Structure formats: C-alpha cells, structure tokens
N, C-alpha and C. Protein backbone atom coordinates (compact mmCIF):
# COMPACT_ATOMS: atom_id res chain seq x y z
N MET A 1 95.91 -51.44 195.18
CA MET A 1 95.79 -50.61 196.36
C MET A 1 96.93 -49.59 196.35
N TYR A 2 96.62 -48.40 196.83
CA TYR A 2 97.58 -47.31 196.89
C TYR A 2 98.36 -47.36 198.21
N LYS A 3 99.48 -46.66 198.23
CA LYS A 3 100.25 -46.47 199.46
C LYS A 3 100.21 -45.00 199.80
N ILE A 4 100.27 -44.70 201.09
CA ILE A 4 100.22 -43.31 201.55
C ILE A 4 101.61 -42.83 201.93
N PHE A 5 101.97 -41.66 201.40
CA PHE A 5 103.22 -40.99 201.72
C PHE A 5 102.89 -39.56 202.15
N THR A 6 103.83 -38.91 202.79
CA THR A 6 103.65 -37.50 203.12
C THR A 6 104.63 -36.68 202.30
N ALA A 7 104.21 -35.48 201.94
CA ALA A 7 105.01 -34.61 201.08
C ALA A 7 106.13 -33.91 201.85
N ASN A 8 105.93 -33.74 203.16
CA ASN A 8 106.93 -33.01 203.95
C ASN A 8 106.81 -33.38 205.43
N ASP A 9 107.76 -32.91 206.22
CA ASP A 9 107.79 -33.24 207.65
C ASP A 9 106.59 -32.69 208.39
N LYS A 10 106.15 -31.49 208.03
CA LYS A 10 105.01 -30.88 208.71
C LYS A 10 103.74 -31.71 208.51
N ALA A 11 103.49 -32.13 207.29
CA ALA A 11 102.32 -32.96 207.01
C ALA A 11 102.40 -34.29 207.76
N GLU A 12 103.58 -34.88 207.77
CA GLU A 12 103.76 -36.15 208.47
C GLU A 12 103.51 -36.01 209.97
N LYS A 13 104.05 -34.95 210.57
CA LYS A 13 103.88 -34.73 212.01
C LYS A 13 102.41 -34.51 212.36
N ARG A 14 101.74 -33.67 211.58
CA ARG A 14 100.32 -33.39 211.88
C ARG A 14 99.46 -34.63 211.69
N LEU A 15 99.71 -35.38 210.62
CA LEU A 15 98.93 -36.59 210.38
C LEU A 15 99.15 -37.61 211.50
N ASN A 16 100.39 -37.80 211.90
CA ASN A 16 100.68 -38.73 212.99
C ASN A 16 100.04 -38.29 214.30
N ASN A 17 100.02 -36.99 214.57
CA ASN A 17 99.36 -36.49 215.78
C ASN A 17 97.86 -36.79 215.76
N TYR A 18 97.22 -36.61 214.62
CA TYR A 18 95.80 -36.93 214.51
C TYR A 18 95.55 -38.42 214.69
N ILE A 19 96.43 -39.25 214.15
CA ILE A 19 96.29 -40.70 214.31
C ILE A 19 96.40 -41.09 215.78
N LYS A 20 97.31 -40.45 216.51
CA LYS A 20 97.45 -40.74 217.94
C LYS A 20 96.22 -40.30 218.73
N LEU A 21 95.65 -39.18 218.35
CA LEU A 21 94.48 -38.65 219.06
C LEU A 21 93.22 -39.46 218.78
N ARG A 22 93.08 -39.93 217.56
CA ARG A 22 91.87 -40.64 217.17
C ARG A 22 92.23 -41.91 216.43
N LYS A 23 92.00 -43.02 217.05
CA LYS A 23 92.35 -44.33 216.48
C LYS A 23 91.56 -44.65 215.21
N ASP A 24 90.37 -44.07 215.05
CA ASP A 24 89.57 -44.35 213.87
C ASP A 24 90.18 -43.77 212.58
N ILE A 25 91.06 -42.81 212.70
CA ILE A 25 91.68 -42.20 211.52
C ILE A 25 92.54 -43.21 210.78
N LYS A 26 93.21 -44.07 211.49
CA LYS A 26 94.04 -45.09 210.83
C LYS A 26 93.17 -45.97 209.93
N ASN A 27 92.01 -46.37 210.41
CA ASN A 27 91.09 -47.18 209.59
C ASN A 27 90.58 -46.41 208.38
N LYS A 28 90.33 -45.12 208.56
CA LYS A 28 89.86 -44.31 207.45
C LYS A 28 90.94 -44.18 206.38
N LEU A 29 92.19 -44.05 206.79
CA LEU A 29 93.28 -43.98 205.82
C LEU A 29 93.41 -45.29 205.05
N GLU A 30 93.14 -46.40 205.72
CA GLU A 30 93.15 -47.70 205.03
C GLU A 30 92.07 -47.74 203.95
N ARG A 31 90.91 -47.18 204.25
CA ARG A 31 89.83 -47.11 203.25
C ARG A 31 90.24 -46.22 202.08
N LEU A 32 90.93 -45.13 202.38
CA LEU A 32 91.36 -44.21 201.34
C LEU A 32 92.33 -44.89 200.37
N LYS A 33 93.16 -45.79 200.88
CA LYS A 33 94.11 -46.52 200.04
C LYS A 33 93.40 -47.35 198.97
N ILE A 34 92.20 -47.78 199.25
CA ILE A 34 91.45 -48.62 198.31
C ILE A 34 90.94 -47.79 197.15
N ASN A 35 90.37 -46.63 197.44
CA ASN A 35 89.83 -45.78 196.38
C ASN A 35 89.95 -44.31 196.79
N PRO A 36 91.05 -43.66 196.47
CA PRO A 36 91.28 -42.28 196.92
C PRO A 36 90.38 -41.23 196.29
N ARG A 37 89.58 -41.61 195.33
CA ARG A 37 88.69 -40.65 194.69
C ARG A 37 87.24 -40.78 195.16
N LYS A 38 86.91 -41.81 195.90
CA LYS A 38 85.52 -42.01 196.29
C LYS A 38 85.31 -42.18 197.79
N GLU A 39 86.31 -42.62 198.51
CA GLU A 39 86.14 -42.86 199.95
C GLU A 39 86.20 -41.55 200.74
N LEU A 40 85.57 -41.53 201.88
CA LEU A 40 85.67 -40.45 202.86
C LEU A 40 85.27 -39.10 202.30
N VAL A 41 84.25 -39.09 201.47
CA VAL A 41 83.75 -37.86 200.86
C VAL A 41 84.89 -37.13 200.10
N ALA A 42 85.73 -37.88 199.43
CA ALA A 42 86.84 -37.32 198.67
C ALA A 42 86.30 -36.47 197.53
N HIS A 43 86.99 -35.37 197.28
CA HIS A 43 86.57 -34.49 196.19
C HIS A 43 87.77 -33.71 195.66
N PRO A 44 87.74 -33.40 194.37
CA PRO A 44 88.83 -32.62 193.79
C PRO A 44 88.73 -31.16 194.24
N LEU A 45 89.86 -30.51 194.34
CA LEU A 45 89.89 -29.11 194.73
C LEU A 45 90.02 -28.23 193.50
N PHE A 46 89.74 -26.95 193.68
CA PHE A 46 89.73 -26.00 192.58
C PHE A 46 90.62 -24.81 192.92
N GLY A 47 90.71 -23.89 192.00
CA GLY A 47 91.49 -22.68 192.23
C GLY A 47 92.97 -22.99 192.33
N ARG A 48 93.64 -22.40 193.31
CA ARG A 48 95.08 -22.60 193.44
C ARG A 48 95.44 -24.02 193.85
N LEU A 49 94.47 -24.79 194.32
CA LEU A 49 94.72 -26.18 194.71
C LEU A 49 94.22 -27.18 193.65
N LYS A 50 93.94 -26.68 192.47
CA LYS A 50 93.47 -27.55 191.39
C LYS A 50 94.47 -28.68 191.14
N GLY A 51 93.95 -29.88 190.95
CA GLY A 51 94.81 -31.05 190.75
C GLY A 51 95.03 -31.84 192.03
N LYS A 52 94.64 -31.26 193.16
CA LYS A 52 94.77 -31.93 194.46
C LYS A 52 93.38 -32.38 194.91
N TRP A 53 93.38 -33.25 195.88
CA TRP A 53 92.14 -33.81 196.42
C TRP A 53 92.06 -33.54 197.91
N SER A 54 90.85 -33.61 198.44
CA SER A 54 90.63 -33.46 199.87
C SER A 54 89.65 -34.52 200.32
N CYS A 55 89.81 -34.96 201.57
CA CYS A 55 88.84 -35.89 202.15
C CYS A 55 88.68 -35.59 203.63
N TRP A 56 87.63 -36.13 204.19
CA TRP A 56 87.24 -35.91 205.57
C TRP A 56 87.70 -37.09 206.42
N LEU A 57 88.44 -36.80 207.50
CA LEU A 57 88.88 -37.87 208.40
C LEU A 57 88.09 -37.91 209.69
N GLY A 58 87.14 -37.01 209.83
CA GLY A 58 86.32 -37.00 211.02
C GLY A 58 86.34 -35.65 211.69
N SER A 59 85.27 -35.38 212.43
CA SER A 59 85.16 -34.12 213.15
C SER A 59 85.42 -32.97 212.18
N ASN A 60 86.45 -32.21 212.41
CA ASN A 60 86.80 -31.09 211.52
C ASN A 60 88.17 -31.34 210.88
N ILE A 61 88.56 -32.57 210.75
CA ILE A 61 89.89 -32.92 210.24
C ILE A 61 89.81 -33.25 208.75
N ARG A 62 90.61 -32.55 207.99
CA ARG A 62 90.68 -32.75 206.54
C ARG A 62 92.11 -33.10 206.14
N VAL A 63 92.24 -33.72 204.98
CA VAL A 63 93.55 -34.02 204.41
C VAL A 63 93.54 -33.54 202.96
N ILE A 64 94.60 -32.85 202.58
CA ILE A 64 94.80 -32.48 201.18
C ILE A 64 95.88 -33.39 200.63
N TYR A 65 95.61 -33.99 199.47
CA TYR A 65 96.57 -34.94 198.91
C TYR A 65 96.55 -34.91 197.39
N SER A 66 97.60 -35.44 196.81
CA SER A 66 97.64 -35.65 195.36
C SER A 66 97.74 -37.15 195.12
N ILE A 67 97.39 -37.55 193.91
CA ILE A 67 97.37 -38.97 193.56
C ILE A 67 98.35 -39.20 192.42
N ASP A 68 99.27 -40.12 192.64
CA ASP A 68 100.22 -40.53 191.59
C ASP A 68 99.74 -41.89 191.08
N GLU A 69 99.05 -41.88 189.95
CA GLU A 69 98.47 -43.10 189.39
C GLU A 69 99.54 -44.12 188.97
N GLN A 70 100.62 -43.64 188.38
CA GLN A 70 101.64 -44.56 187.89
C GLN A 70 102.28 -45.37 189.01
N LYS A 71 102.54 -44.72 190.13
CA LYS A 71 103.19 -45.39 191.26
C LYS A 71 102.21 -45.84 192.32
N LYS A 72 100.92 -45.59 192.08
CA LYS A 72 99.86 -45.96 193.04
C LYS A 72 100.15 -45.38 194.42
N ARG A 73 100.38 -44.04 194.43
CA ARG A 73 100.69 -43.36 195.69
C ARG A 73 99.70 -42.24 195.96
N ILE A 74 99.38 -42.09 197.24
CA ILE A 74 98.62 -40.95 197.74
C ILE A 74 99.64 -40.12 198.52
N ILE A 75 99.83 -38.87 198.12
CA ILE A 75 100.82 -38.02 198.77
C ILE A 75 100.09 -36.97 199.59
N VAL A 76 100.12 -37.13 200.91
CA VAL A 76 99.45 -36.19 201.82
C VAL A 76 100.30 -34.92 201.89
N GLU A 77 99.68 -33.80 201.55
CA GLU A 77 100.40 -32.53 201.54
C GLU A 77 100.07 -31.67 202.74
N ALA A 78 98.89 -31.88 203.35
CA ALA A 78 98.51 -31.13 204.53
C ALA A 78 97.40 -31.88 205.26
N ALA A 79 97.36 -31.68 206.57
CA ALA A 79 96.31 -32.26 207.41
C ALA A 79 95.93 -31.23 208.44
N GLY A 80 94.63 -31.12 208.70
CA GLY A 80 94.18 -30.16 209.70
C GLY A 80 92.73 -29.78 209.51
N THR A 81 92.35 -28.65 210.10
CA THR A 81 90.99 -28.14 209.97
C THR A 81 90.85 -27.44 208.62
N HIS A 82 89.74 -26.83 208.39
CA HIS A 82 89.53 -26.13 207.11
C HIS A 82 90.57 -25.04 206.87
N ASN A 83 91.30 -24.64 207.87
CA ASN A 83 92.35 -23.63 207.70
C ASN A 83 93.47 -24.11 206.78
N ILE A 84 93.57 -25.41 206.55
CA ILE A 84 94.64 -25.91 205.68
C ILE A 84 94.45 -25.44 204.24
N TYR A 85 93.25 -25.00 203.89
CA TYR A 85 92.99 -24.53 202.53
C TYR A 85 93.55 -23.13 202.28
N ASN A 86 93.87 -22.43 203.35
CA ASN A 86 94.36 -21.04 203.23
C ASN A 86 95.83 -20.97 202.94
C-alpha cells in the first residue's frame, strides 16, 4: 500500500480543505493508496504534465500527483477544479 504526501503547503492546505468539506474524499484517498493507477478514474497526464497522474475525488475536484514506486509514495502536487491543469 502507498502513503500519501503533499509536495508543498498550498497542495496540503487545499487538500485538507476539501477533506473538511466532503467526508467522502478521505475514503477515496484510502482507495487511491491501494492502486494509484486504477482507482478513481486515475489517468496519466500529457504535455507539460507528462509523468504525473490525475484522479477524480468527486464533483469537480481533481488531484494531480506523482508516484514514487521505490518508496511507495503518492505525492499530491495540486488539488482543485480543472483549473489546476493551467
């Protein structure tokens, strides 16, 4: 199983705010820890975000993350609406 980390304070603050607003997000993150490439409609990103992944946490909430296979870590780099891709 993977562990979830945040890449910076902004990502951590936004993710925590979403968790407070919607209790189901915590359960979805637990599912992501099991298989970060298949759960929650996870998909690899392209272009300038190539090498990163995105998944759906509900409503219009997305998370961009990278996967560290050696350390079994999911590193959340951004959380928010589709605007996080810009």
